[in-house]
Amino acid sequence: MGKKIELVYENGKYIVSIDGSAVETQEDADKAFERFKQVIKNNNNNNEKSWLYIEESIKSFGNKNVEINEKFKTVTIGSLKYFYNTGKVFYISENDMTQLIGGYGLIKFILETPGLQEKGSIESFLELCKVAIDNGANYRITSGSIVIISAVLNYGSVEFNFDYNRINKGIAIEDGNFEEFKKYVLDAIK
């Protein structure tokens, strides 16, 4: 079932609404139209996986740190919130909301990866992702590893493998834990 997204001109104002509920009011036509296009883009449900599949998959992990909101189709793990309708994930703290990279894949990575099962470990991992984004770095997640990509790092990237507790600094591969990896990355990119 699709959503009805409208741009209406009424009483000298442009109103963008979703299913009859106003989400934005603008006096400038160009700004209203840009917002209208953004609302359409954000609500375009072109997710490859159905909500039911995602919900069942997440429940199968049995992780007590996960909250699923079936009504709004969101998944929360600590400071991380995944919005199914947009396919986006955000790091949300008291006064900040930062979009992270990965969508549902980031949620699944956290649930599948050894060493990221406890709340403190999850928060530490999410903080690293947020700080990387905030400082112009990028990251990618692969099976059991996170790679931070930034020009300030040796050879442009550094990787931590959760399966083997190894840090690949580009010039050397060392044994180490996630907190050592995080400290190395934060010292370099901050």
N, C-alpha and C. Protein backbone atom coordinates (compact mmCIF):
# COMPACT_ATOMS: atom_id res chain seq x y z
N MET A 1 0.84 -1.17 0.00
CA MET A 1 0.00 0.00 0.00
C MET A 1 0.89 1.24 0.00
N GLY A 2 0.70 2.11 -1.00
CA GLY A 2 1.52 3.30 -1.14
C GLY A 2 1.02 4.45 -0.30
N LYS A 3 1.88 5.44 -0.20
CA LYS A 3 1.53 6.65 0.55
C LYS A 3 1.13 7.73 -0.42
N LYS A 4 0.21 8.58 0.00
CA LYS A 4 -0.24 9.71 -0.81
C LYS A 4 0.56 10.93 -0.37
N ILE A 5 1.42 11.41 -1.27
CA ILE A 5 2.26 12.57 -0.98
C ILE A 5 1.78 13.72 -1.85
N GLU A 6 1.47 14.86 -1.20
CA GLU A 6 0.87 15.98 -1.92
C GLU A 6 1.65 17.27 -1.69
N LEU A 7 1.59 18.14 -2.70
CA LEU A 7 2.06 19.51 -2.60
C LEU A 7 0.86 20.38 -2.94
N VAL A 8 0.37 21.12 -1.94
CA VAL A 8 -0.86 21.91 -2.10
C VAL A 8 -0.56 23.38 -1.80
N TYR A 9 -1.15 24.26 -2.63
CA TYR A 9 -1.05 25.70 -2.38
C TYR A 9 -2.37 26.14 -1.75
N GLU A 10 -2.28 26.67 -0.53
CA GLU A 10 -3.49 27.06 0.19
C GLU A 10 -3.19 28.26 1.08
N ASN A 11 -4.03 29.28 0.99
CA ASN A 11 -3.90 30.49 1.81
C ASN A 11 -2.50 31.11 1.73
N GLY A 12 -1.94 31.14 0.53
CA GLY A 12 -0.65 31.79 0.34
C GLY A 12 0.55 30.96 0.76
N LYS A 13 0.35 29.69 1.09
CA LYS A 13 1.45 28.83 1.52
C LYS A 13 1.40 27.50 0.78
N TYR A 14 2.58 26.92 0.60
CA TYR A 14 2.70 25.60 -0.01
C TYR A 14 2.83 24.59 1.12
N ILE A 15 2.02 23.55 1.05
CA ILE A 15 1.99 22.54 2.11
C ILE A 15 2.36 21.19 1.50
N VAL A 16 3.38 20.55 2.07
CA VAL A 16 3.76 19.20 1.68
C VAL A 16 3.17 18.27 2.73
N SER A 17 2.42 17.26 2.28
CA SER A 17 1.78 16.36 3.25
C SER A 17 1.92 14.91 2.80
N ILE A 18 1.89 14.04 3.80
CA ILE A 18 1.90 12.59 3.57
C ILE A 18 0.63 12.04 4.17
N ASP A 19 -0.18 11.39 3.35
CA ASP A 19 -1.46 10.82 3.79
C ASP A 19 -2.29 11.82 4.59
N GLY A 20 -2.31 13.06 4.14
CA GLY A 20 -3.13 14.10 4.77
C GLY A 20 -2.49 14.82 5.94
N SER A 21 -1.33 14.38 6.39
CA SER A 21 -0.64 15.04 7.52
C SER A 21 0.47 15.94 6.98
N ALA A 22 0.40 17.22 7.31
CA ALA A 22 1.39 18.18 6.83
C ALA A 22 2.75 17.89 7.45
N VAL A 23 3.78 17.87 6.60
CA VAL A 23 5.14 17.66 7.09
C VAL A 23 6.00 18.90 6.89
N GLU A 24 5.55 19.82 6.04
CA GLU A 24 6.33 21.02 5.76
C GLU A 24 5.40 22.10 5.21
N THR A 25 5.62 23.33 5.63
CA THR A 25 4.89 24.48 5.11
C THR A 25 5.93 25.51 4.67
N GLN A 26 5.80 25.97 3.42
CA GLN A 26 6.75 26.93 2.86
C GLN A 26 5.99 28.05 2.16
N GLU A 27 6.59 29.21 2.12
CA GLU A 27 6.03 30.31 1.34
C GLU A 27 6.68 30.39 -0.03
N ASP A 28 7.89 29.87 -0.17
CA ASP A 28 8.61 29.89 -1.43
C ASP A 28 8.30 28.64 -2.24
N ALA A 29 7.85 28.81 -3.48
CA ALA A 29 7.44 27.69 -4.33
C ALA A 29 8.60 26.75 -4.64
N ASP A 30 9.77 27.31 -4.93
CA ASP A 30 10.93 26.47 -5.26
C ASP A 30 11.36 25.62 -4.08
N LYS A 31 11.41 26.21 -2.90
CA LYS A 31 11.78 25.46 -1.69
C LYS A 31 10.75 24.38 -1.40
N ALA A 32 9.48 24.71 -1.58
CA ALA A 32 8.41 23.74 -1.33
C ALA A 32 8.52 22.57 -2.30
N PHE A 33 8.81 22.86 -3.57
CA PHE A 33 8.93 21.79 -4.55
C PHE A 33 10.14 20.90 -4.26
N GLU A 34 11.26 21.51 -3.86
CA GLU A 34 12.45 20.72 -3.50
C GLU A 34 12.14 19.81 -2.31
N ARG A 35 11.44 20.34 -1.33
CA ARG A 35 11.07 19.54 -0.15
C ARG A 35 10.12 18.42 -0.55
N PHE A 36 9.19 18.72 -1.46
CA PHE A 36 8.24 17.73 -1.98
C PHE A 36 9.01 16.57 -2.63
N LYS A 37 9.99 16.90 -3.47
CA LYS A 37 10.79 15.86 -4.12
C LYS A 37 11.57 15.04 -3.09
N GLN A 38 12.09 15.71 -2.05
CA GLN A 38 12.84 15.01 -1.01
C GLN A 38 11.94 14.06 -0.23
N VAL A 39 10.73 14.49 0.08
CA VAL A 39 9.78 13.63 0.80
C VAL A 39 9.45 12.40 -0.04
N ILE A 40 9.27 12.60 -1.34
CA ILE A 40 9.00 11.46 -2.23
C ILE A 40 10.18 10.50 -2.21
N LYS A 41 11.38 11.04 -2.33
CA LYS A 41 12.59 10.20 -2.33
C LYS A 41 12.72 9.44 -1.02
N ASN A 42 12.49 10.12 0.11
CA ASN A 42 12.63 9.49 1.42
C ASN A 42 11.58 8.41 1.66
N ASN A 43 10.44 8.52 1.02
CA ASN A 43 9.37 7.56 1.23
C ASN A 43 9.26 6.54 0.12
N ASN A 44 10.21 6.56 -0.81
CA ASN A 44 10.22 5.59 -1.89
C ASN A 44 10.67 4.26 -1.33
N ASN A 45 9.76 3.34 -1.22
CA ASN A 45 10.06 2.06 -0.61
C ASN A 45 10.54 1.08 -1.67
N ASN A 46 11.80 1.19 -2.01
CA ASN A 46 12.37 0.28 -2.99
C ASN A 46 13.34 -0.69 -2.32
N ASN A 47 13.05 -1.03 -1.09
CA ASN A 47 13.89 -1.97 -0.36
C ASN A 47 13.83 -3.34 -1.03
N GLU A 48 14.98 -3.98 -1.09
CA GLU A 48 15.05 -5.30 -1.70
C GLU A 48 14.39 -6.35 -0.82
N LYS A 49 14.46 -6.17 0.47
CA LYS A 49 13.93 -7.16 1.40
C LYS A 49 12.63 -6.64 2.02
N SER A 50 11.69 -7.53 2.20
CA SER A 50 10.42 -7.13 2.79
C SER A 50 10.60 -6.88 4.28
N TRP A 51 9.71 -6.08 4.85
CA TRP A 51 9.76 -5.81 6.28
C TRP A 51 9.62 -7.10 7.07
N LEU A 52 8.74 -7.99 6.63
CA LEU A 52 8.53 -9.25 7.33
C LEU A 52 9.83 -10.06 7.38
N TYR A 53 10.55 -10.11 6.25
CA TYR A 53 11.83 -10.82 6.21
C TYR A 53 12.82 -10.21 7.19
N ILE A 54 12.94 -8.89 7.16
CA ILE A 54 13.88 -8.19 8.05
C ILE A 54 13.52 -8.44 9.51
N GLU A 55 12.24 -8.31 9.82
CA GLU A 55 11.76 -8.50 11.19
C GLU A 55 12.08 -9.91 11.69
N GLU A 56 11.76 -10.92 10.89
CA GLU A 56 12.01 -12.30 11.30
C GLU A 56 13.51 -12.59 11.41
N SER A 57 14.27 -12.04 10.48
CA SER A 57 15.72 -12.23 10.50
C SER A 57 16.32 -11.65 11.78
N ILE A 58 15.91 -10.45 12.14
CA ILE A 58 16.44 -9.80 13.34
C ILE A 58 16.00 -10.53 14.60
N LYS A 59 14.76 -10.97 14.65
CA LYS A 59 14.27 -11.72 15.81
C LYS A 59 15.03 -13.03 15.99
N SER A 60 15.46 -13.64 14.88
CA SER A 60 16.15 -14.93 14.96
C SER A 60 17.49 -14.84 15.70
N PHE A 61 18.07 -13.65 15.78
CA PHE A 61 19.33 -13.49 16.51
C PHE A 61 19.11 -13.52 18.02
N GLY A 62 17.91 -13.20 18.48
CA GLY A 62 17.60 -13.22 19.90
C GLY A 62 18.43 -12.26 20.74
N ASN A 63 18.84 -11.17 20.16
CA ASN A 63 19.66 -10.19 20.87
C ASN A 63 18.77 -9.27 21.70
N LYS A 64 19.01 -9.22 22.99
CA LYS A 64 18.17 -8.43 23.91
C LYS A 64 18.35 -6.92 23.74
N ASN A 65 19.38 -6.50 23.01
CA ASN A 65 19.63 -5.07 22.80
C ASN A 65 18.84 -4.49 21.63
N VAL A 66 18.07 -5.32 20.95
CA VAL A 66 17.33 -4.89 19.76
C VAL A 66 15.88 -4.59 20.10
N GLU A 67 15.40 -3.44 19.62
CA GLU A 67 13.98 -3.09 19.75
C GLU A 67 13.40 -2.98 18.34
N ILE A 68 12.30 -3.67 18.10
CA ILE A 68 11.62 -3.61 16.81
C ILE A 68 10.29 -2.91 17.01
N ASN A 69 10.03 -1.88 16.22
CA ASN A 69 8.75 -1.18 16.24
C ASN A 69 8.02 -1.56 14.97
N GLU A 70 7.05 -2.47 15.10
CA GLU A 70 6.33 -2.98 13.95
C GLU A 70 5.44 -1.91 13.31
N LYS A 71 4.88 -1.03 14.12
CA LYS A 71 3.97 -0.01 13.61
C LYS A 71 4.69 0.95 12.67
N PHE A 72 5.85 1.45 13.09
CA PHE A 72 6.58 2.43 12.28
C PHE A 72 7.71 1.80 11.46
N LYS A 73 7.84 0.48 11.56
CA LYS A 73 8.85 -0.27 10.82
C LYS A 73 10.25 0.29 11.06
N THR A 74 10.64 0.29 12.32
CA THR A 74 11.98 0.74 12.70
C THR A 74 12.65 -0.33 13.55
N VAL A 75 13.96 -0.32 13.54
CA VAL A 75 14.75 -1.21 14.38
C VAL A 75 15.75 -0.33 15.12
N THR A 76 15.85 -0.53 16.44
CA THR A 76 16.77 0.26 17.25
C THR A 76 17.73 -0.67 17.98
N ILE A 77 19.01 -0.36 17.88
CA ILE A 77 20.04 -1.04 18.66
C ILE A 77 20.87 0.06 19.29
N GLY A 78 20.68 0.28 20.58
CA GLY A 78 21.41 1.35 21.25
C GLY A 78 21.11 2.69 20.61
N SER A 79 22.14 3.37 20.15
CA SER A 79 21.99 4.69 19.52
C SER A 79 21.68 4.60 18.03
N LEU A 80 21.59 3.40 17.50
CA LEU A 80 21.35 3.20 16.07
C LEU A 80 19.87 2.98 15.81
N LYS A 81 19.33 3.70 14.84
CA LYS A 81 17.93 3.50 14.45
C LYS A 81 17.87 3.32 12.94
N TYR A 82 17.24 2.21 12.52
CA TYR A 82 17.04 1.89 11.11
C TYR A 82 15.58 2.15 10.76
N PHE A 83 15.37 2.91 9.68
CA PHE A 83 14.03 3.22 9.20
C PHE A 83 13.80 2.43 7.91
N TYR A 84 12.93 1.44 7.97
CA TYR A 84 12.68 0.59 6.81
C TYR A 84 12.16 1.38 5.61
N ASN A 85 11.24 2.31 5.85
CA ASN A 85 10.61 3.03 4.74
C ASN A 85 11.59 3.85 3.92
N THR A 86 12.69 4.26 4.51
CA THR A 86 13.70 5.02 3.76
C THR A 86 14.95 4.19 3.51
N GLY A 87 15.10 3.09 4.24
CA GLY A 87 16.29 2.26 4.10
C GLY A 87 17.53 2.87 4.72
N LYS A 88 17.35 3.87 5.58
CA LYS A 88 18.48 4.61 6.15
C LYS A 88 18.67 4.27 7.62
N VAL A 89 19.93 4.42 8.08
CA VAL A 89 20.26 4.24 9.49
C VAL A 89 20.86 5.53 10.03
N PHE A 90 20.56 5.81 11.29
CA PHE A 90 21.03 7.03 11.92
C PHE A 90 21.60 6.72 13.29
N TYR A 91 22.66 7.44 13.64
CA TYR A 91 23.18 7.45 15.00
C TYR A 91 22.45 8.59 15.70
N ILE A 92 21.71 8.27 16.75
CA ILE A 92 20.90 9.28 17.42
C ILE A 92 21.35 9.38 18.87
N SER A 93 21.76 10.60 19.25
CA SER A 93 22.11 10.87 20.65
C SER A 93 21.21 12.00 21.13
N GLU A 94 21.46 12.50 22.31
CA GLU A 94 20.59 13.52 22.91
C GLU A 94 20.38 14.73 22.02
N ASN A 95 21.43 15.21 21.38
CA ASN A 95 21.30 16.43 20.59
C ASN A 95 21.85 16.28 19.18
N ASP A 96 21.91 15.07 18.67
CA ASP A 96 22.52 14.85 17.37
C ASP A 96 21.86 13.68 16.65
N MET A 97 21.78 13.78 15.34
CA MET A 97 21.27 12.70 14.51
C MET A 97 22.14 12.66 13.25
N THR A 98 22.98 11.64 13.14
CA THR A 98 23.92 11.52 12.03
C THR A 98 23.57 10.30 11.19
N GLN A 99 23.40 10.51 9.88
CA GLN A 99 23.13 9.38 9.01
C GLN A 99 24.40 8.57 8.84
N LEU A 100 24.28 7.26 9.03
CA LEU A 100 25.40 6.35 8.86
C LEU A 100 25.26 5.59 7.54
N ILE A 101 26.30 4.89 7.18
CA ILE A 101 26.33 4.11 5.94
C ILE A 101 25.93 2.68 6.26
N GLY A 102 25.12 2.07 5.42
CA GLY A 102 24.90 0.64 5.56
C GLY A 102 23.47 0.16 5.57
N GLY A 103 22.51 0.97 5.96
CA GLY A 103 21.12 0.53 5.98
C GLY A 103 20.93 -0.73 6.81
N TYR A 104 20.09 -1.63 6.31
CA TYR A 104 19.82 -2.89 7.01
C TYR A 104 21.10 -3.70 7.18
N GLY A 105 22.01 -3.58 6.21
CA GLY A 105 23.27 -4.32 6.28
C GLY A 105 24.08 -4.00 7.52
N LEU A 106 24.02 -2.77 7.99
CA LEU A 106 24.73 -2.38 9.22
C LEU A 106 24.12 -3.07 10.43
N ILE A 107 22.79 -3.12 10.48
CA ILE A 107 22.10 -3.82 11.58
C ILE A 107 22.51 -5.29 11.57
N LYS A 108 22.44 -5.92 10.41
CA LYS A 108 22.77 -7.34 10.30
C LYS A 108 24.23 -7.59 10.68
N PHE A 109 25.13 -6.70 10.25
CA PHE A 109 26.55 -6.82 10.58
C PHE A 109 26.74 -6.83 12.10
N ILE A 110 26.09 -5.91 12.79
CA ILE A 110 26.22 -5.83 14.25
C ILE A 110 25.72 -7.11 14.90
N LEU A 111 24.60 -7.64 14.43
CA LEU A 111 24.02 -8.83 15.04
C LEU A 111 24.82 -10.10 14.73
N GLU A 112 25.49 -10.14 13.58
CA GLU A 112 26.24 -11.33 13.18
C GLU A 112 27.68 -11.36 13.67
N THR A 113 28.22 -10.21 14.01
CA THR A 113 29.66 -10.11 14.27
C THR A 113 30.03 -10.45 15.71
N PRO A 114 30.96 -11.39 15.88
CA PRO A 114 31.44 -11.69 17.23
C PRO A 114 32.08 -10.43 17.83
N GLY A 115 31.88 -10.21 19.09
CA GLY A 115 32.46 -9.04 19.74
C GLY A 115 31.55 -7.82 19.71
N LEU A 116 30.43 -7.90 19.02
CA LEU A 116 29.49 -6.76 18.98
C LEU A 116 28.13 -7.14 19.55
N GLN A 117 28.12 -8.05 20.49
CA GLN A 117 26.84 -8.51 21.02
C GLN A 117 26.40 -7.76 22.27
N GLU A 118 27.32 -7.18 22.99
CA GLU A 118 26.98 -6.48 24.22
C GLU A 118 26.74 -5.00 23.95
N LYS A 119 25.92 -4.38 24.79
CA LYS A 119 25.53 -2.99 24.59
C LYS A 119 26.74 -2.05 24.53
N GLY A 120 27.70 -2.22 25.41
CA GLY A 120 28.88 -1.36 25.42
C GLY A 120 29.69 -1.49 24.14
N SER A 121 29.82 -2.71 23.63
CA SER A 121 30.55 -2.93 22.38
C SER A 121 29.82 -2.31 21.20
N ILE A 122 28.50 -2.43 21.18
CA ILE A 122 27.69 -1.85 20.11
C ILE A 122 27.85 -0.34 20.11
N GLU A 123 27.74 0.28 21.29
CA GLU A 123 27.86 1.74 21.39
C GLU A 123 29.23 2.22 20.95
N SER A 124 30.28 1.50 21.32
CA SER A 124 31.64 1.87 20.94
C SER A 124 31.79 1.79 19.42
N PHE A 125 31.26 0.74 18.82
CA PHE A 125 31.31 0.57 17.36
C PHE A 125 30.55 1.69 16.65
N LEU A 126 29.35 2.00 17.13
CA LEU A 126 28.54 3.05 16.51
C LEU A 126 29.20 4.42 16.65
N GLU A 127 29.83 4.65 17.80
CA GLU A 127 30.53 5.92 17.99
C GLU A 127 31.65 6.08 16.97
N LEU A 128 32.38 4.99 16.71
CA LEU A 128 33.44 5.04 15.70
C LEU A 128 32.87 5.38 14.33
N CYS A 129 31.78 4.74 13.95
CA CYS A 129 31.14 5.02 12.65
C CYS A 129 30.73 6.49 12.56
N LYS A 130 30.13 7.01 13.62
CA LYS A 130 29.67 8.40 13.65
C LYS A 130 30.84 9.38 13.53
N VAL A 131 31.88 9.16 14.34
CA VAL A 131 33.04 10.06 14.32
C VAL A 131 33.72 10.01 12.95
N ALA A 132 33.78 8.83 12.35
CA ALA A 132 34.38 8.71 11.02
C ALA A 132 33.60 9.58 10.02
N ILE A 133 32.29 9.46 10.01
CA ILE A 133 31.45 10.26 9.10
C ILE A 133 31.61 11.74 9.40
N ASP A 134 31.55 12.11 10.68
CA ASP A 134 31.66 13.53 11.07
C ASP A 134 32.99 14.16 10.66
N ASN A 135 34.03 13.34 10.52
CA ASN A 135 35.36 13.87 10.19
C ASN A 135 35.75 13.61 8.74
N GLY A 136 34.77 13.36 7.90
CA GLY A 136 35.03 13.24 6.47
C GLY A 136 35.59 11.91 6.02
N ALA A 137 35.65 10.94 6.92
CA ALA A 137 36.10 9.60 6.54
C ALA A 137 34.88 8.79 6.10
N ASN A 138 35.15 7.66 5.53
CA ASN A 138 34.10 6.73 5.13
C ASN A 138 34.39 5.40 5.79
N TYR A 139 33.43 4.51 5.76
CA TYR A 139 33.69 3.16 6.22
C TYR A 139 32.88 2.20 5.39
N ARG A 140 33.33 0.97 5.37
CA ARG A 140 32.53 -0.08 4.74
C ARG A 140 32.64 -1.31 5.62
N ILE A 141 31.60 -2.08 5.58
CA ILE A 141 31.58 -3.30 6.37
C ILE A 141 31.57 -4.49 5.42
N THR A 142 32.38 -5.46 5.76
CA THR A 142 32.41 -6.70 5.00
C THR A 142 32.26 -7.82 6.01
N SER A 143 32.23 -9.00 5.56
CA SER A 143 32.02 -10.13 6.45
C SER A 143 33.06 -10.15 7.57
N GLY A 144 32.64 -9.75 8.75
CA GLY A 144 33.51 -9.80 9.92
C GLY A 144 34.51 -8.67 10.06
N SER A 145 34.49 -7.67 9.18
CA SER A 145 35.48 -6.59 9.23
C SER A 145 34.83 -5.23 8.99
N ILE A 146 35.49 -4.20 9.53
CA ILE A 146 35.15 -2.82 9.20
C ILE A 146 36.41 -2.17 8.65
N VAL A 147 36.25 -1.44 7.56
CA VAL A 147 37.36 -0.72 6.94
C VAL A 147 37.04 0.76 7.01
N ILE A 148 37.93 1.54 7.60
CA ILE A 148 37.79 3.00 7.64
C ILE A 148 38.66 3.56 6.52
N ILE A 149 38.08 4.44 5.71
CA ILE A 149 38.77 5.00 4.56
C ILE A 149 38.90 6.50 4.74
N SER A 150 40.15 6.98 4.72
CA SER A 150 40.42 8.41 4.86
C SER A 150 41.82 8.71 4.34
N ALA A 151 41.99 9.87 3.76
CA ALA A 151 43.30 10.27 3.25
C ALA A 151 44.33 10.43 4.36
N VAL A 152 43.90 10.64 5.59
CA VAL A 152 44.86 10.84 6.69
C VAL A 152 45.43 9.53 7.22
N LEU A 153 44.93 8.40 6.77
CA LEU A 153 45.41 7.10 7.23
C LEU A 153 46.51 6.59 6.30
N ASN A 154 47.41 5.74 6.84
CA ASN A 154 48.44 5.10 6.01
C ASN A 154 47.76 4.34 4.88
N TYR A 155 48.19 4.56 3.68
CA TYR A 155 47.64 3.90 2.49
C TYR A 155 46.14 4.14 2.34
N GLY A 156 45.60 5.11 3.03
CA GLY A 156 44.21 5.52 2.85
C GLY A 156 43.16 4.71 3.56
N SER A 157 43.56 3.65 4.23
CA SER A 157 42.55 2.85 4.94
C SER A 157 43.18 2.05 6.07
N VAL A 158 42.32 1.64 6.97
CA VAL A 158 42.71 0.76 8.06
C VAL A 158 41.53 -0.18 8.31
N GLU A 159 41.83 -1.43 8.65
CA GLU A 159 40.78 -2.44 8.78
C GLU A 159 40.90 -3.17 10.10
N PHE A 160 39.75 -3.48 10.69
CA PHE A 160 39.73 -4.34 11.87
C PHE A 160 38.92 -5.57 11.55
N ASN A 161 39.50 -6.74 11.79
CA ASN A 161 38.83 -8.01 11.57
C ASN A 161 38.37 -8.55 12.92
N PHE A 162 37.05 -8.60 13.11
CA PHE A 162 36.47 -9.06 14.37
C PHE A 162 36.68 -10.55 14.58
N ASP A 163 36.74 -11.33 13.50
CA ASP A 163 36.90 -12.78 13.63
C ASP A 163 38.26 -13.16 14.20
N TYR A 164 39.31 -12.41 13.81
CA TYR A 164 40.67 -12.76 14.21
C TYR A 164 41.31 -11.73 15.13
N ASN A 165 40.57 -10.67 15.48
CA ASN A 165 41.10 -9.58 16.30
C ASN A 165 42.43 -9.07 15.74
N ARG A 166 42.38 -8.67 14.46
CA ARG A 166 43.57 -8.17 13.79
C ARG A 166 43.31 -6.78 13.22
N ILE A 167 44.34 -5.94 13.29
CA ILE A 167 44.29 -4.58 12.76
C ILE A 167 45.23 -4.52 11.56
N ASN A 168 44.69 -4.16 10.40
CA ASN A 168 45.49 -3.99 9.19
C ASN A 168 45.67 -2.50 8.97
N LYS A 169 46.87 -2.00 9.26
CA LYS A 169 47.16 -0.57 9.14
C LYS A 169 47.72 -0.20 7.78
N GLY A 170 47.68 -1.11 6.83
CA GLY A 170 48.20 -0.83 5.50
C GLY A 170 49.64 -1.25 5.33
N ILE A 171 50.46 -0.97 6.33
CA ILE A 171 51.88 -1.35 6.26
C ILE A 171 52.16 -2.56 7.14
N ALA A 172 51.26 -2.87 8.04
CA ALA A 172 51.46 -4.00 8.94
C ALA A 172 50.11 -4.52 9.42
N ILE A 173 50.08 -5.81 9.69
CA ILE A 173 48.91 -6.43 10.30
C ILE A 173 49.31 -6.84 11.70
N GLU A 174 48.56 -6.33 12.68
CA GLU A 174 48.89 -6.57 14.08
C GLU A 174 47.71 -7.21 14.80
N ASP A 175 48.01 -8.00 15.81
CA ASP A 175 46.96 -8.48 16.70
C ASP A 175 46.52 -7.32 17.57
N GLY A 176 45.25 -7.24 17.87
CA GLY A 176 44.75 -6.16 18.72
C GLY A 176 43.25 -6.27 18.89
N ASN A 177 42.73 -5.52 19.84
CA ASN A 177 41.29 -5.56 20.06
C ASN A 177 40.63 -4.34 19.41
N PHE A 178 39.30 -4.32 19.44
CA PHE A 178 38.57 -3.25 18.78
C PHE A 178 38.87 -1.89 19.38
N GLU A 179 39.02 -1.82 20.69
CA GLU A 179 39.28 -0.52 21.34
C GLU A 179 40.63 0.05 20.90
N GLU A 180 41.64 -0.80 20.70
CA GLU A 180 42.94 -0.33 20.19
C GLU A 180 42.78 0.21 18.76
N PHE A 181 42.01 -0.51 17.95
CA PHE A 181 41.72 -0.07 16.59
C PHE A 181 41.01 1.28 16.59
N LYS A 182 40.01 1.39 17.43
CA LYS A 182 39.23 2.63 17.52
C LYS A 182 40.12 3.80 17.93
N LYS A 183 40.97 3.58 18.92
CA LYS A 183 41.88 4.65 19.38
C LYS A 183 42.81 5.07 18.25
N TYR A 184 43.35 4.11 17.52
CA TYR A 184 44.24 4.41 16.39
C TYR A 184 43.52 5.27 15.34
N VAL A 185 42.30 4.88 15.00
CA VAL A 185 41.52 5.61 13.99
C VAL A 185 41.18 7.01 14.48
N LEU A 186 40.68 7.11 15.70
CA LEU A 186 40.27 8.42 16.23
C LEU A 186 41.47 9.37 16.36
N ASP A 187 42.61 8.85 16.78
CA ASP A 187 43.81 9.69 16.87
C ASP A 187 44.21 10.22 15.50
N ALA A 188 43.99 9.42 14.47
CA ALA A 188 44.38 9.83 13.12
C ALA A 188 43.40 10.80 12.47
N ILE A 189 42.10 10.58 12.65
CA ILE A 189 41.13 11.38 11.89
C ILE A 189 40.59 12.60 12.62
N LYS A 190 40.77 12.65 13.94
CA LYS A 190 40.22 13.81 14.68
C LYS A 190 41.12 15.00 14.55
